[in-house]
Amino acid sequence: MAVTARRAVAVLWPLALLALSVATFRQSVDRARPDAALAACADDAAKRDTATLERCLALDPGDVGLLADLGAAYETAGRADRAEPLYRRALAIDPRDGDVHLRLGRILLARGDRAGARTEGEAALRWQPGSAAPRDLVSAAGSTP
């Protein structure tokens, strides 16, 4: 009986080592995938559709450019309700992004929030002093009551 147990251990031991090395290899490959996915997200051509932008943003939730791009994609799709929180998140990270202030202001104006639109237009104008678009937004929003 003891000889049979020794033989079983002698046969199973190499299989156990093989299984352990395969598991270790799989973990190292899985850890490399996010880097490859991030590299794919760096390609501007890959960032055209909302599904791809959402996947890229999940990998790098603090990327202001991705937040703005996904917000713009939602706006194009008629989903301003989904774009607004993305713009607000982007501005929480980078409050000096005049383009995002402008985009958010346009959404607020379309919703009827003239005071909010004016505030965003003025912020955009602060960071883009020579641009006509923020001036147009402030003008369209009118004076605050």
Protein backbone atom coordinates (compact mmCIF):
# COMPACT_ATOMS: atom_id res chain seq x y z
CA MET A 1 0.00 0.00 0.00
CA ALA A 2 2.82 2.42 0.88
CA VAL A 3 4.51 1.73 -2.45
CA THR A 4 1.33 2.60 -4.36
CA ALA A 5 1.00 5.89 -2.48
CA ARG A 6 4.63 6.75 -3.27
CA ARG A 7 4.06 5.96 -6.92
CA ALA A 8 0.95 8.14 -7.00
CA VAL A 9 2.88 11.05 -5.43
CA ALA A 10 5.74 10.53 -7.88
CA VAL A 11 3.30 10.69 -10.81
CA LEU A 12 1.10 13.51 -9.49
CA TRP A 13 3.90 15.79 -8.25
CA PRO A 14 5.04 16.89 -11.76
CA LEU A 15 1.41 17.42 -12.77
CA ALA A 16 0.86 19.67 -9.75
CA LEU A 17 3.94 21.73 -10.65
CA LEU A 18 2.74 22.02 -14.22
CA ALA A 19 -0.71 23.21 -13.09
CA LEU A 20 0.91 25.78 -10.78
CA SER A 21 3.12 27.17 -13.54
CA VAL A 22 0.19 27.40 -15.98
CA ALA A 23 -1.87 29.30 -13.38
CA THR A 24 1.02 31.70 -12.75
CA PHE A 25 1.47 32.28 -16.47
CA ARG A 26 -2.25 33.02 -16.93
CA GLN A 27 -2.18 35.60 -14.13
CA SER A 28 0.78 37.39 -15.70
CA VAL A 29 -1.00 37.50 -19.07
CA ASP A 30 -4.19 38.84 -17.43
CA ARG A 31 -2.23 41.62 -15.75
CA ALA A 32 -0.80 42.67 -19.13
CA ARG A 33 -4.21 43.01 -20.77
CA PRO A 34 -5.20 46.36 -19.18
CA ASP A 35 -2.00 47.91 -20.52
CA ALA A 36 -2.78 46.61 -23.99
CA ALA A 37 -6.34 47.87 -23.68
CA LEU A 38 -5.11 51.29 -22.56
CA ALA A 39 -2.77 51.38 -25.54
CA ALA A 40 -5.72 50.60 -27.82
CA CYS A 41 -7.63 53.47 -26.19
CA ALA A 42 -4.81 55.85 -27.04
CA ASP A 43 -5.61 55.33 -30.71
CA ASP A 44 -7.94 58.18 -31.73
CA ALA A 45 -9.58 56.09 -34.44
CA ALA A 46 -10.67 53.56 -31.79
CA LYS A 47 -12.53 56.22 -29.80
CA ARG A 48 -15.38 56.77 -32.24
CA ASP A 49 -18.26 54.83 -30.69
CA THR A 50 -19.75 55.13 -27.21
CA ALA A 51 -19.14 51.48 -26.31
CA THR A 52 -15.41 51.82 -26.93
CA LEU A 53 -15.27 55.13 -25.08
CA GLU A 54 -17.08 53.58 -22.10
CA ARG A 55 -14.59 50.68 -21.99
CA CYS A 56 -11.65 53.08 -22.20
CA LEU A 57 -13.12 55.27 -19.47
CA ALA A 58 -13.57 52.23 -17.24
CA LEU A 59 -9.83 51.60 -17.56
CA ASP A 60 -8.90 55.23 -16.88
CA PRO A 61 -11.78 57.02 -15.10
CA GLY A 62 -9.77 60.20 -14.54
CA ASP A 63 -9.03 60.92 -18.20
CA VAL A 64 -10.62 64.31 -18.89
CA GLY A 65 -10.31 63.84 -22.65
CA LEU A 66 -12.21 60.56 -22.51
CA LEU A 67 -14.88 62.10 -20.28
CA ALA A 68 -15.33 64.96 -22.76
CA ASP A 69 -15.29 62.65 -25.80
CA LEU A 70 -17.88 60.31 -24.27
CA GLY A 71 -20.01 63.29 -23.26
CA ALA A 72 -19.86 64.60 -26.83
CA ALA A 73 -20.80 61.17 -28.17
CA TYR A 74 -23.81 61.10 -25.85
CA GLU A 75 -24.81 64.59 -26.98
CA THR A 76 -24.58 63.52 -30.62
CA ALA A 77 -26.82 60.57 -29.77
CA GLY A 78 -29.34 62.95 -28.18
CA ARG A 79 -28.50 61.88 -24.62
CA ALA A 80 -27.62 65.19 -22.96
CA ASP A 81 -28.85 63.67 -19.68
CA ARG A 82 -25.89 61.26 -19.80
CA ALA A 83 -23.41 63.86 -21.08
CA GLU A 84 -23.96 66.39 -18.28
CA PRO A 85 -22.58 64.26 -15.40
CA LEU A 86 -19.54 63.37 -17.51
CA TYR A 87 -18.82 67.05 -18.16
CA ARG A 88 -19.24 67.82 -14.46
CA ARG A 89 -16.80 65.01 -13.59
CA ALA A 90 -14.31 66.32 -16.14
CA LEU A 91 -14.54 69.83 -14.67
CA ALA A 92 -14.05 68.47 -11.15
CA ILE A 93 -10.73 67.08 -12.38
CA ASP A 94 -9.75 70.02 -14.63
CA PRO A 95 -11.75 73.18 -13.92
CA ARG A 96 -9.69 75.11 -16.50
CA ASP A 97 -11.04 73.23 -19.52
CA GLY A 98 -12.91 75.93 -21.41
CA ASP A 99 -14.31 73.53 -24.00
CA VAL A 100 -15.97 71.40 -21.35
CA HIS A 101 -17.41 74.51 -19.64
CA LEU A 102 -18.81 75.51 -23.02
CA ARG A 103 -20.34 72.08 -23.68
CA LEU A 104 -21.91 71.97 -20.23
CA GLY A 105 -23.22 75.51 -20.65
CA ARG A 106 -24.92 74.61 -23.93
CA ILE A 107 -26.64 71.64 -22.28
CA LEU A 108 -27.81 73.83 -19.41
CA LEU A 109 -29.11 76.48 -21.80
CA ALA A 110 -31.02 73.89 -23.83
CA ARG A 111 -32.58 72.66 -20.58
CA GLY A 112 -33.62 76.19 -19.67
CA ASP A 113 -31.06 76.80 -16.91
CA ARG A 114 -30.01 80.25 -18.09
CA ALA A 115 -28.12 81.15 -14.90
CA GLY A 116 -26.12 77.92 -15.03
CA ALA A 117 -25.42 78.39 -18.74
CA ARG A 118 -24.21 81.93 -18.10
CA THR A 119 -21.92 80.76 -15.29
CA GLU A 120 -20.41 78.07 -17.54
CA GLY A 121 -20.08 80.53 -20.42
CA GLU A 122 -18.23 83.00 -18.18
CA ALA A 123 -15.94 80.21 -16.96
CA ALA A 124 -15.23 79.20 -20.57
CA LEU A 125 -14.55 82.83 -21.43
CA ARG A 126 -12.08 83.05 -18.54
CA TRP A 127 -10.03 80.19 -20.00
CA GLN A 128 -10.62 81.10 -23.67
CA PRO A 129 -10.66 84.90 -23.64
CA GLY A 130 -10.41 85.33 -27.42
CA SER A 131 -13.04 82.78 -28.37
CA ALA A 132 -16.41 83.87 -29.73
CA ALA A 133 -18.25 80.70 -28.65
CA PRO A 134 -18.20 81.49 -24.92
CA ARG A 135 -19.29 85.07 -25.61
CA ASP A 136 -22.15 83.77 -27.72
CA LEU A 137 -23.20 81.40 -24.91
CA VAL A 138 -23.15 84.22 -22.32
CA SER A 139 -25.15 86.41 -24.69
CA ALA A 140 -27.68 83.66 -25.39
CA ALA A 141 -28.07 82.99 -21.66
CA GLY A 142 -28.83 86.67 -21.08
CA SER A 143 -28.52 88.41 -17.77
CA THR A 144 -29.15 86.55 -14.55
CA PRO A 145 -32.27 87.61 -12.62
